[in-house]
Amino acid sequence: MKIGIIRCDAHSDNCSATGCLTAVRETNATFSDYDDLALVGLDTCGGCFRGKTDRIVERTRRLARAGAEAIHLGNCLVGPCPYGDAFSEAIANEGLKVVKGTH
């Protein structure tokens, strides 16, 4: 399965995504169900913009063009983000599997 990860733009200032990348490399946490896993890209949501989803959709499309079949939302977008559900729905509307969480 080819996947992309999208994480919180604001949190990216303080997070190097090592937790997400370690989980991918070790195929654990939310990645444990994949037999053949390939990370095609890592991006941010594009920043808070009053819940608008156009930025995350743009990034989702870019990851899809790189081959992503599923998008994992970083833990920083699952709990603390007030727009996480809207982002999940927008990504699903693009025809990709959405998985909430990474590690």
PDB file of N, CA and C in Angstrom:
ATOM      1  N   MET A   1       0.853  -1.178   0.000  1.00  0.00           N
ATOM      2  CA  MET A   1       0.000   0.000   0.000  1.00  0.00           C
ATOM      3  C   MET A   1       0.891   1.232   0.000  1.00  0.00           C
ATOM      4  N   LYS A   2       0.607   2.124  -0.902  1.00  0.00           N
ATOM      5  CA  LYS A   2       1.334   3.389  -0.948  1.00  0.00           C
ATOM      6  C   LYS A   2       0.547   4.416  -0.142  1.00  0.00           C
ATOM      7  N   ILE A   3       1.238   5.059   0.771  1.00  0.00           N
ATOM      8  CA  ILE A   3       0.570   6.002   1.668  1.00  0.00           C
ATOM      9  C   ILE A   3       1.269   7.357   1.668  1.00  0.00           C
ATOM     10  N   GLY A   4       0.506   8.352   2.077  1.00  0.00           N
ATOM     11  CA  GLY A   4       1.035   9.679   2.344  1.00  0.00           C
ATOM     12  C   GLY A   4       0.658  10.045   3.771  1.00  0.00           C
ATOM     13  N   ILE A   5       1.436  10.908   4.357  1.00  0.00           N
ATOM     14  CA  ILE A   5       1.141  11.401   5.702  1.00  0.00           C
ATOM     15  C   ILE A   5       0.950  12.912   5.610  1.00  0.00           C
ATOM     16  N   ILE A   6      -0.117  13.384   6.234  1.00  0.00           N
ATOM     17  CA  ILE A   6      -0.326  14.820   6.358  1.00  0.00           C
ATOM     18  C   ILE A   6      -0.371  15.143   7.844  1.00  0.00           C
ATOM     19  N   ARG A   7       0.416  16.149   8.216  1.00  0.00           N
ATOM     20  CA  ARG A   7       0.493  16.540   9.622  1.00  0.00           C
ATOM     21  C   ARG A   7       0.158  18.010   9.774  1.00  0.00           C
ATOM     22  N   CYS A   8       0.044  18.449  10.992  1.00  0.00           N
ATOM     23  CA  CYS A   8      -0.313  19.825  11.318  1.00  0.00           C
ATOM     24  C   CYS A   8       0.816  20.782  10.931  1.00  0.00           C
ATOM     25  N   ASP A   9       0.465  21.813  10.189  1.00  0.00           N
ATOM     26  CA  ASP A   9       1.445  22.800   9.769  1.00  0.00           C
ATOM     27  C   ASP A   9       2.052  23.526  10.977  1.00  0.00           C
ATOM     28  N   ALA A  10       1.216  23.917  11.918  1.00  0.00           N
ATOM     29  CA  ALA A  10       1.717  24.640  13.095  1.00  0.00           C
ATOM     30  C   ALA A  10       2.644  23.771  13.935  1.00  0.00           C
ATOM     31  N   HIS A  11       2.296  22.515  14.108  1.00  0.00           N
ATOM     32  CA  HIS A  11       3.133  21.608  14.888  1.00  0.00           C
ATOM     33  C   HIS A  11       4.450  21.279  14.185  1.00  0.00           C
ATOM     34  N   SER A  12       4.489  21.441  12.875  1.00  0.00           N
ATOM     35  CA  SER A  12       5.708  21.102  12.144  1.00  0.00           C
ATOM     36  C   SER A  12       6.875  22.005  12.537  1.00  0.00           C
ATOM     37  N   ASP A  13       6.585  23.148  13.140  1.00  0.00           N
ATOM     38  CA  ASP A  13       7.658  24.015  13.635  1.00  0.00           C
ATOM     39  C   ASP A  13       8.433  23.373  14.784  1.00  0.00           C
ATOM     40  N   ASN A  14       7.742  22.503  15.530  1.00  0.00           N
ATOM     41  CA  ASN A  14       8.347  21.883  16.708  1.00  0.00           C
ATOM     42  C   ASN A  14       8.497  20.379  16.594  1.00  0.00           C
ATOM     43  N   CYS A  15       8.121  19.813  15.470  1.00  0.00           N
ATOM     44  CA  CYS A  15       8.133  18.358  15.323  1.00  0.00           C
ATOM     45  C   CYS A  15       8.788  17.992  14.003  1.00  0.00           C
ATOM     46  N   SER A  16       9.739  17.096  14.069  1.00  0.00           N
ATOM     47  CA  SER A  16      10.425  16.653  12.858  1.00  0.00           C
ATOM     48  C   SER A  16       9.789  15.408  12.247  1.00  0.00           C
ATOM     49  N   ALA A  17       8.651  14.978  12.765  1.00  0.00           N
ATOM     50  CA  ALA A  17       7.902  13.815  12.285  1.00  0.00           C
ATOM     51  C   ALA A  17       8.628  12.497  12.556  1.00  0.00           C
ATOM     52  N   THR A  18       9.546  12.490  13.483  1.00  0.00           N
ATOM     53  CA  THR A  18      10.273  11.253  13.757  1.00  0.00           C
ATOM     54  C   THR A  18       9.355  10.154  14.293  1.00  0.00           C
ATOM     55  N   GLY A  19       8.358  10.512  15.081  1.00  0.00           N
ATOM     56  CA  GLY A  19       7.416   9.505  15.570  1.00  0.00           C
ATOM     57  C   GLY A  19       6.643   8.875  14.427  1.00  0.00           C
ATOM     58  N   CYS A  20       6.170   9.701  13.505  1.00  0.00           N
ATOM     59  CA  CYS A  20       5.441   9.207  12.331  1.00  0.00           C
ATOM     60  C   CYS A  20       6.344   8.324  11.472  1.00  0.00           C
ATOM     61  N   LEU A  21       7.535   8.810  11.202  1.00  0.00           N
ATOM     62  CA  LEU A  21       8.447   8.075  10.322  1.00  0.00           C
ATOM     63  C   LEU A  21       8.950   6.781  10.959  1.00  0.00           C
ATOM     64  N   THR A  22       9.153   6.789  12.267  1.00  0.00           N
ATOM     65  CA  THR A  22       9.546   5.563  12.963  1.00  0.00           C
ATOM     66  C   THR A  22       8.438   4.523  12.873  1.00  0.00           C
ATOM     67  N   ALA A  23       7.190   4.947  13.054  1.00  0.00           N
ATOM     68  CA  ALA A  23       6.058   4.020  12.961  1.00  0.00           C
ATOM     69  C   ALA A  23       5.963   3.428  11.552  1.00  0.00           C
ATOM     70  N   VAL A  24       6.224   4.233  10.526  1.00  0.00           N
ATOM     71  CA  VAL A  24       6.222   3.715   9.152  1.00  0.00           C
ATOM     72  C   VAL A  24       7.345   2.699   8.988  1.00  0.00           C
ATOM     73  N   ARG A  25       8.544   3.083   9.393  1.00  0.00           N
ATOM     74  CA  ARG A  25       9.715   2.211   9.212  1.00  0.00           C
ATOM     75  C   ARG A  25       9.544   0.884   9.937  1.00  0.00           C
ATOM     76  N   GLU A  26       8.995   0.930  11.141  1.00  0.00           N
ATOM     77  CA  GLU A  26       8.828  -0.292  11.942  1.00  0.00           C
ATOM     78  C   GLU A  26       7.485  -0.975  11.672  1.00  0.00           C
ATOM     79  N   THR A  27       6.689  -0.402  10.814  1.00  0.00           N
ATOM     80  CA  THR A  27       5.362  -0.911  10.465  1.00  0.00           C
ATOM     81  C   THR A  27       4.555  -1.243  11.718  1.00  0.00           C
ATOM     82  N   ASN A  28       4.476  -0.282  12.609  1.00  0.00           N
ATOM     83  CA  ASN A  28       3.670  -0.490  13.811  1.00  0.00           C
ATOM     84  C   ASN A  28       2.606   0.598  13.941  1.00  0.00           C
ATOM     85  N   ALA A  29       1.892   0.572  15.035  1.00  0.00           N
ATOM     86  CA  ALA A  29       0.789   1.499  15.306  1.00  0.00           C
ATOM     87  C   ALA A  29      -0.228   1.414  14.154  1.00  0.00           C
ATOM     88  N   THR A  30      -0.608   2.537  13.561  1.00  0.00           N
ATOM     89  CA  THR A  30      -1.642   2.503  12.521  1.00  0.00           C
ATOM     90  C   THR A  30      -1.148   1.927  11.203  1.00  0.00           C
ATOM     91  N   PHE A  31       0.114   1.625  11.113  1.00  0.00           N
ATOM     92  CA  PHE A  31       0.678   1.038   9.894  1.00  0.00           C
ATOM     93  C   PHE A  31       0.818  -0.480   9.987  1.00  0.00           C
ATOM     94  N   SER A  32       0.435  -1.063  11.092  1.00  0.00           N
ATOM     95  CA  SER A  32       0.667  -2.488  11.328  1.00  0.00           C
ATOM     96  C   SER A  32      -0.182  -3.406  10.446  1.00  0.00           C
ATOM     97  N   ASP A  33      -1.239  -2.903   9.853  1.00  0.00           N
ATOM     98  CA  ASP A  33      -2.103  -3.743   9.016  1.00  0.00           C
ATOM     99  C   ASP A  33      -1.617  -3.882   7.578  1.00  0.00           C
ATOM    100  N   TYR A  34      -0.569  -3.161   7.215  1.00  0.00           N
ATOM    101  CA  TYR A  34      -0.076  -3.203   5.846  1.00  0.00           C
ATOM    102  C   TYR A  34       0.986  -4.288   5.679  1.00  0.00           C
ATOM    103  N   ASP A  35       0.846  -5.070   4.599  1.00  0.00           N
ATOM    104  CA  ASP A  35       1.855  -6.073   4.282  1.00  0.00           C
ATOM    105  C   ASP A  35       3.009  -5.461   3.504  1.00  0.00           C
ATOM    106  N   ASP A  36       2.666  -4.608   2.565  1.00  0.00           N
ATOM    107  CA  ASP A  36       3.658  -3.997   1.699  1.00  0.00           C
ATOM    108  C   ASP A  36       3.446  -2.488   1.754  1.00  0.00           C
ATOM    109  N   LEU A  37       4.242  -1.799   2.536  1.00  0.00           N
ATOM    110  CA  LEU A  37       4.042  -0.381   2.817  1.00  0.00           C
ATOM    111  C   LEU A  37       5.110   0.461   2.149  1.00  0.00           C
ATOM    112  N   ALA A  38       4.676   1.513   1.467  1.00  0.00           N
ATOM    113  CA  ALA A  38       5.610   2.464   0.865  1.00  0.00           C
ATOM    114  C   ALA A  38       5.103   3.872   1.140  1.00  0.00           C
ATOM    115  N   LEU A  39       5.930   4.673   1.767  1.00  0.00           N
ATOM    116  CA  LEU A  39       5.614   6.075   2.021  1.00  0.00           C
ATOM    117  C   LEU A  39       5.993   6.878   0.784  1.00  0.00           C
ATOM    118  N   VAL A  40       5.012   7.542   0.170  1.00  0.00           N
ATOM    119  CA  VAL A  40       5.293   8.312  -1.042  1.00  0.00           C
ATOM    120  C   VAL A  40       5.482   9.795  -0.760  1.00  0.00           C
ATOM    121  N   GLY A  41       5.069  10.244   0.419  1.00  0.00           N
ATOM    122  CA  GLY A  41       5.249  11.654   0.729  1.00  0.00           C
ATOM    123  C   GLY A  41       4.758  12.020   2.106  1.00  0.00           C
ATOM    124  N   LEU A  42       5.283  13.133   2.589  1.00  0.00           N
ATOM    125  CA  LEU A  42       4.937  13.687   3.901  1.00  0.00           C
ATOM    126  C   LEU A  42       4.706  15.171   3.682  1.00  0.00           C
ATOM    127  N   ASP A  43       3.565  15.667   4.118  1.00  0.00           N
ATOM    128  CA  ASP A  43       3.241  17.072   3.906  1.00  0.00           C
ATOM    129  C   ASP A  43       2.514  17.604   5.134  1.00  0.00           C
ATOM    130  N   THR A  44       2.209  18.895   5.099  1.00  0.00           N
ATOM    131  CA  THR A  44       1.421  19.503   6.168  1.00  0.00           C
ATOM    132  C   THR A  44       0.027  19.807   5.632  1.00  0.00           C
ATOM    133  N   CYS A  45      -0.861  20.170   6.531  1.00  0.00           N
ATOM    134  CA  CYS A  45      -2.239  20.487   6.142  1.00  0.00           C
ATOM    135  C   CYS A  45      -2.322  21.805   5.378  1.00  0.00           C
ATOM    136  N   GLY A  46      -1.307  22.634   5.496  1.00  0.00           N
ATOM    137  CA  GLY A  46      -1.318  23.935   4.836  1.00  0.00           C
ATOM    138  C   GLY A  46      -1.635  25.080   5.770  1.00  0.00           C
ATOM    139  N   GLY A  47      -1.905  24.749   7.010  1.00  0.00           N
ATOM    140  CA  GLY A  47      -2.155  25.795   8.005  1.00  0.00           C
ATOM    141  C   GLY A  47      -3.629  26.009   8.279  1.00  0.00           C
ATOM    142  N   CYS A  48      -3.891  26.543   9.451  1.00  0.00           N
ATOM    143  CA  CYS A  48      -5.267  26.824   9.859  1.00  0.00           C
ATOM    144  C   CYS A  48      -5.826  27.962   9.010  1.00  0.00           C
ATOM    145  N   PHE A  49      -7.007  27.750   8.518  1.00  0.00           N
ATOM    146  CA  PHE A  49      -7.650  28.769   7.708  1.00  0.00           C
ATOM    147  C   PHE A  49      -9.159  28.674   7.906  1.00  0.00           C
ATOM    148  N   ARG A  50      -9.558  28.782   9.161  1.00  0.00           N
ATOM    149  CA  ARG A  50     -10.970  28.768   9.538  1.00  0.00           C
ATOM    150  C   ARG A  50     -11.729  27.555   9.023  1.00  0.00           C
ATOM    151  N   GLY A  51     -11.076  26.416   9.054  1.00  0.00           N
ATOM    152  CA  GLY A  51     -11.748  25.178   8.697  1.00  0.00           C
ATOM    153  C   GLY A  51     -11.909  24.921   7.220  1.00  0.00           C
ATOM    154  N   LYS A  52     -11.370  25.795   6.384  1.00  0.00           N
ATOM    155  CA  LYS A  52     -11.458  25.554   4.941  1.00  0.00           C
ATOM    156  C   LYS A  52     -10.549  24.390   4.584  1.00  0.00           C
ATOM    157  N   THR A  53     -10.970  23.606   3.625  1.00  0.00           N
ATOM    158  CA  THR A  53     -10.245  22.381   3.309  1.00  0.00           C
ATOM    159  C   THR A  53      -9.473  22.452   1.999  1.00  0.00           C
ATOM    160  N   ASP A  54      -9.468  23.591   1.328  1.00  0.00           N
ATOM    161  CA  ASP A  54      -8.830  23.660   0.013  1.00  0.00           C
ATOM    162  C   ASP A  54      -7.339  23.353   0.061  1.00  0.00           C
ATOM    163  N   ARG A  55      -6.652  23.772   1.102  1.00  0.00           N
ATOM    164  CA  ARG A  55      -5.213  23.526   1.183  1.00  0.00           C
ATOM    165  C   ARG A  55      -4.898  22.052   1.380  1.00  0.00           C
ATOM    166  N   ILE A  56      -5.651  21.396   2.255  1.00  0.00           N
ATOM    167  CA  ILE A  56      -5.371  19.976   2.489  1.00  0.00           C
ATOM    168  C   ILE A  56      -5.775  19.146   1.274  1.00  0.00           C
ATOM    169  N   VAL A  57      -6.806  19.564   0.557  1.00  0.00           N
ATOM    170  CA  VAL A  57      -7.198  18.862  -0.665  1.00  0.00           C
ATOM    171  C   VAL A  57      -6.102  18.993  -1.713  1.00  0.00           C
ATOM    172  N   GLU A  58      -5.517  20.174  -1.833  1.00  0.00           N
ATOM    173  CA  GLU A  58      -4.404  20.377  -2.770  1.00  0.00           C
ATOM    174  C   GLU A  58      -3.249  19.439  -2.454  1.00  0.00           C
ATOM    175  N   ARG A  59      -2.913  19.318  -1.180  1.00  0.00           N
ATOM    176  CA  ARG A  59      -1.812  18.444  -0.763  1.00  0.00           C
ATOM    177  C   ARG A  59      -2.179  16.976  -0.956  1.00  0.00           C
ATOM    178  N   THR A  60      -3.432  16.629  -0.702  1.00  0.00           N
ATOM    179  CA  THR A  60      -3.903  15.264  -0.921  1.00  0.00           C
ATOM    180  C   THR A  60      -3.769  14.881  -2.391  1.00  0.00           C
ATOM    181  N   ARG A  61      -4.153  15.775  -3.260  1.00  0.00           N
ATOM    182  CA  ARG A  61      -4.048  15.504  -4.700  1.00  0.00           C
ATOM    183  C   ARG A  61      -2.595  15.326  -5.121  1.00  0.00           C
ATOM    184  N   ARG A  62      -1.722  16.116  -4.537  1.00  0.00           N
ATOM    185  CA  ARG A  62      -0.290  15.993  -4.856  1.00  0.00           C
ATOM    186  C   ARG A  62       0.231  14.623  -4.420  1.00  0.00           C
ATOM    187  N   LEU A  63      -0.171  14.171  -3.225  1.00  0.00           N
ATOM    188  CA  LEU A  63       0.243  12.850  -2.748  1.00  0.00           C
ATOM    189  C   LEU A  63      -0.372  11.744  -3.603  1.00  0.00           C
ATOM    190  N   ALA A  64      -1.615  11.935  -4.039  1.00  0.00           N
ATOM    191  CA  ALA A  64      -2.264  10.947  -4.909  1.00  0.00           C
ATOM    192  C   ALA A  64      -1.532  10.839  -6.247  1.00  0.00           C
ATOM    193  N   ARG A  65      -1.097  11.974  -6.786  1.00  0.00           N
ATOM    194  CA  ARG A  65      -0.338  11.939  -8.039  1.00  0.00           C
ATOM    195  C   ARG A  65       0.986  11.189  -7.868  1.00  0.00           C
ATOM    196  N   ALA A  66       1.503  11.190  -6.637  1.00  0.00           N
ATOM    197  CA  ALA A  66       2.737  10.451  -6.350  1.00  0.00           C
ATOM    198  C   ALA A  66       2.457   8.973  -6.094  1.00  0.00           C
ATOM    199  N   GLY A  67       1.177   8.594  -6.110  1.00  0.00           N
ATOM    200  CA  GLY A  67       0.817   7.190  -5.968  1.00  0.00           C
ATOM    201  C   GLY A  67       0.109   6.812  -4.678  1.00  0.00           C
ATOM    202  N   ALA A  68      -0.112   7.761  -3.781  1.00  0.00           N
ATOM    203  CA  ALA A  68      -0.755   7.433  -2.499  1.00  0.00           C
ATOM    204  C   ALA A  68      -2.155   6.876  -2.719  1.00  0.00           C
ATOM    205  N   GLU A  69      -2.426   5.785  -2.012  1.00  0.00           N
ATOM    206  CA  GLU A  69      -3.748   5.170  -2.027  1.00  0.00           C
ATOM    207  C   GLU A  69      -4.483   5.452  -0.726  1.00  0.00           C
ATOM    208  N   ALA A  70      -3.726   5.822   0.290  1.00  0.00           N
ATOM    209  CA  ALA A  70      -4.284   6.143   1.599  1.00  0.00           C
ATOM    210  C   ALA A  70      -3.524   7.332   2.175  1.00  0.00           C
ATOM    211  N   ILE A  71      -4.235   8.141   2.952  1.00  0.00           N
ATOM    212  CA  ILE A  71      -3.627   9.271   3.639  1.00  0.00           C
ATOM    213  C   ILE A  71      -3.788   9.045   5.139  1.00  0.00           C
ATOM    214  N   HIS A  72      -2.662   9.070   5.820  1.00  0.00           N
ATOM    215  CA  HIS A  72      -2.680   9.012   7.278  1.00  0.00           C
ATOM    216  C   HIS A  72      -2.586  10.430   7.806  1.00  0.00           C
ATOM    217  N   LEU A  73      -3.481  10.774   8.705  1.00  0.00           N
ATOM    218  CA  LEU A  73      -3.416  12.066   9.364  1.00  0.00           C
ATOM    219  C   LEU A  73      -2.585  11.907  10.624  1.00  0.00           C
ATOM    220  N   GLY A  74      -1.580  12.747  10.764  1.00  0.00           N
ATOM    221  CA  GLY A  74      -0.722  12.688  11.952  1.00  0.00           C
ATOM    222  C   GLY A  74      -1.525  12.842  13.230  1.00  0.00           C
ATOM    223  N   ASN A  75      -0.993  12.327  14.307  1.00  0.00           N
ATOM    224  CA  ASN A  75      -1.663  12.441  15.602  1.00  0.00           C
ATOM    225  C   ASN A  75      -1.980  13.897  15.935  1.00  0.00           C
ATOM    226  N   CYS A  76      -1.170  14.817  15.452  1.00  0.00           N
ATOM    227  CA  CYS A  76      -1.381  16.238  15.699  1.00  0.00           C
ATOM    228  C   CYS A  76      -2.629  16.767  15.001  1.00  0.00           C
ATOM    229  N   LEU A  77      -3.134  16.051  14.001  1.00  0.00           N
ATOM    230  CA  LEU A  77      -4.371  16.447  13.330  1.00  0.00           C
ATOM    231  C   LEU A  77      -5.574  15.667  13.833  1.00  0.00           C
ATOM    232  N   VAL A  78      -5.346  14.629  14.579  1.00  0.00           N
ATOM    233  CA  VAL A  78      -6.449  13.788  15.021  1.00  0.00           C
ATOM    234  C   VAL A  78      -7.094  14.327  16.291  1.00  0.00           C
ATOM    235  N   GLY A  79      -6.309  14.614  17.303  1.00  0.00           N
ATOM    236  CA  GLY A  79      -6.873  15.071  18.562  1.00  0.00           C
ATOM    237  C   GLY A  79      -6.983  16.577  18.677  1.00  0.00           C
ATOM    238  N   PRO A  80      -5.870  17.279  18.613  1.00  0.00           N
ATOM    239  CA  PRO A  80      -5.894  18.707  18.887  1.00  0.00           C
ATOM    240  C   PRO A  80      -6.499  19.588  17.791  1.00  0.00           C
ATOM    241  N   CYS A  81      -6.580  19.117  16.579  1.00  0.00           N
ATOM    242  CA  CYS A  81      -7.024  19.966  15.471  1.00  0.00           C
ATOM    243  C   CYS A  81      -8.551  20.089  15.446  1.00  0.00           C
ATOM    244  N   PRO A  82      -9.063  21.310  15.518  1.00  0.00           N
ATOM    245  CA  PRO A  82     -10.525  21.466  15.470  1.00  0.00           C
ATOM    246  C   PRO A  82     -11.107  21.168  14.088  1.00  0.00           C
ATOM    247  N   TYR A  83     -10.251  21.043  13.070  1.00  0.00           N
ATOM    248  CA  TYR A  83     -10.717  20.802  11.711  1.00  0.00           C
ATOM    249  C   TYR A  83     -10.434  19.388  11.228  1.00  0.00           C
ATOM    250  N   GLY A  84      -9.962  18.534  12.118  1.00  0.00           N
ATOM    251  CA  GLY A  84      -9.590  17.170  11.747  1.00  0.00           C
ATOM    252  C   GLY A  84     -10.694  16.406  11.044  1.00  0.00           C
ATOM    253  N   ASP A  85     -11.908  16.511  11.544  1.00  0.00           N
ATOM    254  CA  ASP A  85     -13.017  15.788  10.915  1.00  0.00           C
ATOM    255  C   ASP A  85     -13.326  16.339   9.527  1.00  0.00           C
ATOM    256  N   ALA A  86     -13.292  17.659   9.390  1.00  0.00           N
ATOM    257  CA  ALA A  86     -13.532  18.272   8.074  1.00  0.00           C
ATOM    258  C   ALA A  86     -12.434  17.860   7.095  1.00  0.00           C
ATOM    259  N   PHE A  87     -11.196  17.804   7.583  1.00  0.00           N
ATOM    260  CA  PHE A  87     -10.081  17.379   6.731  1.00  0.00           C
ATOM    261  C   PHE A  87     -10.268  15.927   6.297  1.00  0.00           C
ATOM    262  N   SER A  88     -10.656  15.063   7.235  1.00  0.00           N
ATOM    263  CA  SER A  88     -10.875  13.642   6.913  1.00  0.00           C
ATOM    264  C   SER A  88     -11.934  13.487   5.835  1.00  0.00           C
ATOM    265  N   GLU A  89     -13.014  14.212   5.981  1.00  0.00           N
ATOM    266  CA  GLU A  89     -14.109  14.134   5.009  1.00  0.00           C
ATOM    267  C   GLU A  89     -13.662  14.635   3.637  1.00  0.00           C
ATOM    268  N   ALA A  90     -12.910  15.719   3.605  1.00  0.00           N
ATOM    269  CA  ALA A  90     -12.434  16.271   2.328  1.00  0.00           C
ATOM    270  C   ALA A  90     -11.499  15.293   1.623  1.00  0.00           C
ATOM    271  N   ILE A  91     -10.647  14.633   2.377  1.00  0.00           N
ATOM    272  CA  ILE A  91      -9.721  13.661   1.792  1.00  0.00           C
ATOM    273  C   ILE A  91     -10.501  12.457   1.265  1.00  0.00           C
ATOM    274  N   ALA A  92     -11.456  11.973   2.047  1.00  0.00           N
ATOM    275  CA  ALA A  92     -12.283  10.840   1.609  1.00  0.00           C
ATOM    276  C   ALA A  92     -13.040  11.187   0.336  1.00  0.00           C
ATOM    277  N   ASN A  93     -13.477  12.434   0.211  1.00  0.00           N
ATOM    278  CA  ASN A  93     -14.187  12.866  -0.996  1.00  0.00           C
ATOM    279  C   ASN A  93     -13.286  12.858  -2.229  1.00  0.00           C
ATOM    280  N   GLU A  94     -11.988  12.821  -2.012  1.00  0.00           N
ATOM    281  CA  GLU A  94     -11.030  12.710  -3.117  1.00  0.00           C
ATOM    282  C   GLU A  94     -10.824  11.252  -3.538  1.00  0.00           C
ATOM    283  N   GLY A  95     -11.498  10.335  -2.840  1.00  0.00           N
ATOM    284  CA  GLY A  95     -11.435   8.923  -3.206  1.00  0.00           C
ATOM    285  C   GLY A  95     -10.310   8.140  -2.553  1.00  0.00           C
ATOM    286  N   LEU A  96      -9.697   8.724  -1.535  1.00  0.00           N
ATOM    287  CA  LEU A  96      -8.600   8.038  -0.851  1.00  0.00           C
ATOM    288  C   LEU A  96      -9.047   7.544   0.517  1.00  0.00           C
ATOM    289  N   LYS A  97      -8.446   6.461   0.925  1.00  0.00           N
ATOM    290  CA  LYS A  97      -8.668   5.950   2.275  1.00  0.00           C
ATOM    291  C   LYS A  97      -8.037   6.937   3.252  1.00  0.00           C
ATOM    292  N   VAL A  98      -8.729   7.205   4.338  1.00  0.00           N
ATOM    293  CA  VAL A  98      -8.215   8.101   5.381  1.00  0.00           C
ATOM    294  C   VAL A  98      -8.022   7.300   6.659  1.00  0.00           C
ATOM    295  N   VAL A  99      -6.844   7.415   7.239  1.00  0.00           N
ATOM    296  CA  VAL A  99      -6.556   6.751   8.499  1.00  0.00           C
ATOM    297  C   VAL A  99      -6.180   7.838   9.506  1.00  0.00           C
ATOM    298  N   LYS A 100      -6.889   7.847  10.622  1.00  0.00           N
ATOM    299  CA  LYS A 100      -6.623   8.847  11.647  1.00  0.00           C
ATOM    300  C   LYS A 100      -5.529   8.345  12.580  1.00  0.00           C
ATOM    301  N   GLY A 101      -4.417   9.043  12.573  1.00  0.00           N
ATOM    302  CA  GLY A 101      -3.312   8.714  13.463  1.00  0.00           C
ATOM    303  C   GLY A 101      -2.142   8.070  12.726  1.00  0.00           C
ATOM    304  N   THR A 102      -1.007   8.163  13.383  1.00  0.00           N
ATOM    305  CA  THR A 102       0.213   7.589  12.816  1.00  0.00           C
ATOM    306  C   THR A 102       0.932   6.718  13.836  1.00  0.00           C
ATOM    307  N   HIS A 103       1.170   7.238  15.021  1.00  0.00           N
ATOM    308  CA  HIS A 103       1.939   6.478  16.010  1.00  0.00           C
ATOM    309  C   HIS A 103       1.287   6.518  17.368  1.00  0.00           C
TER     310      HIS A 103
END
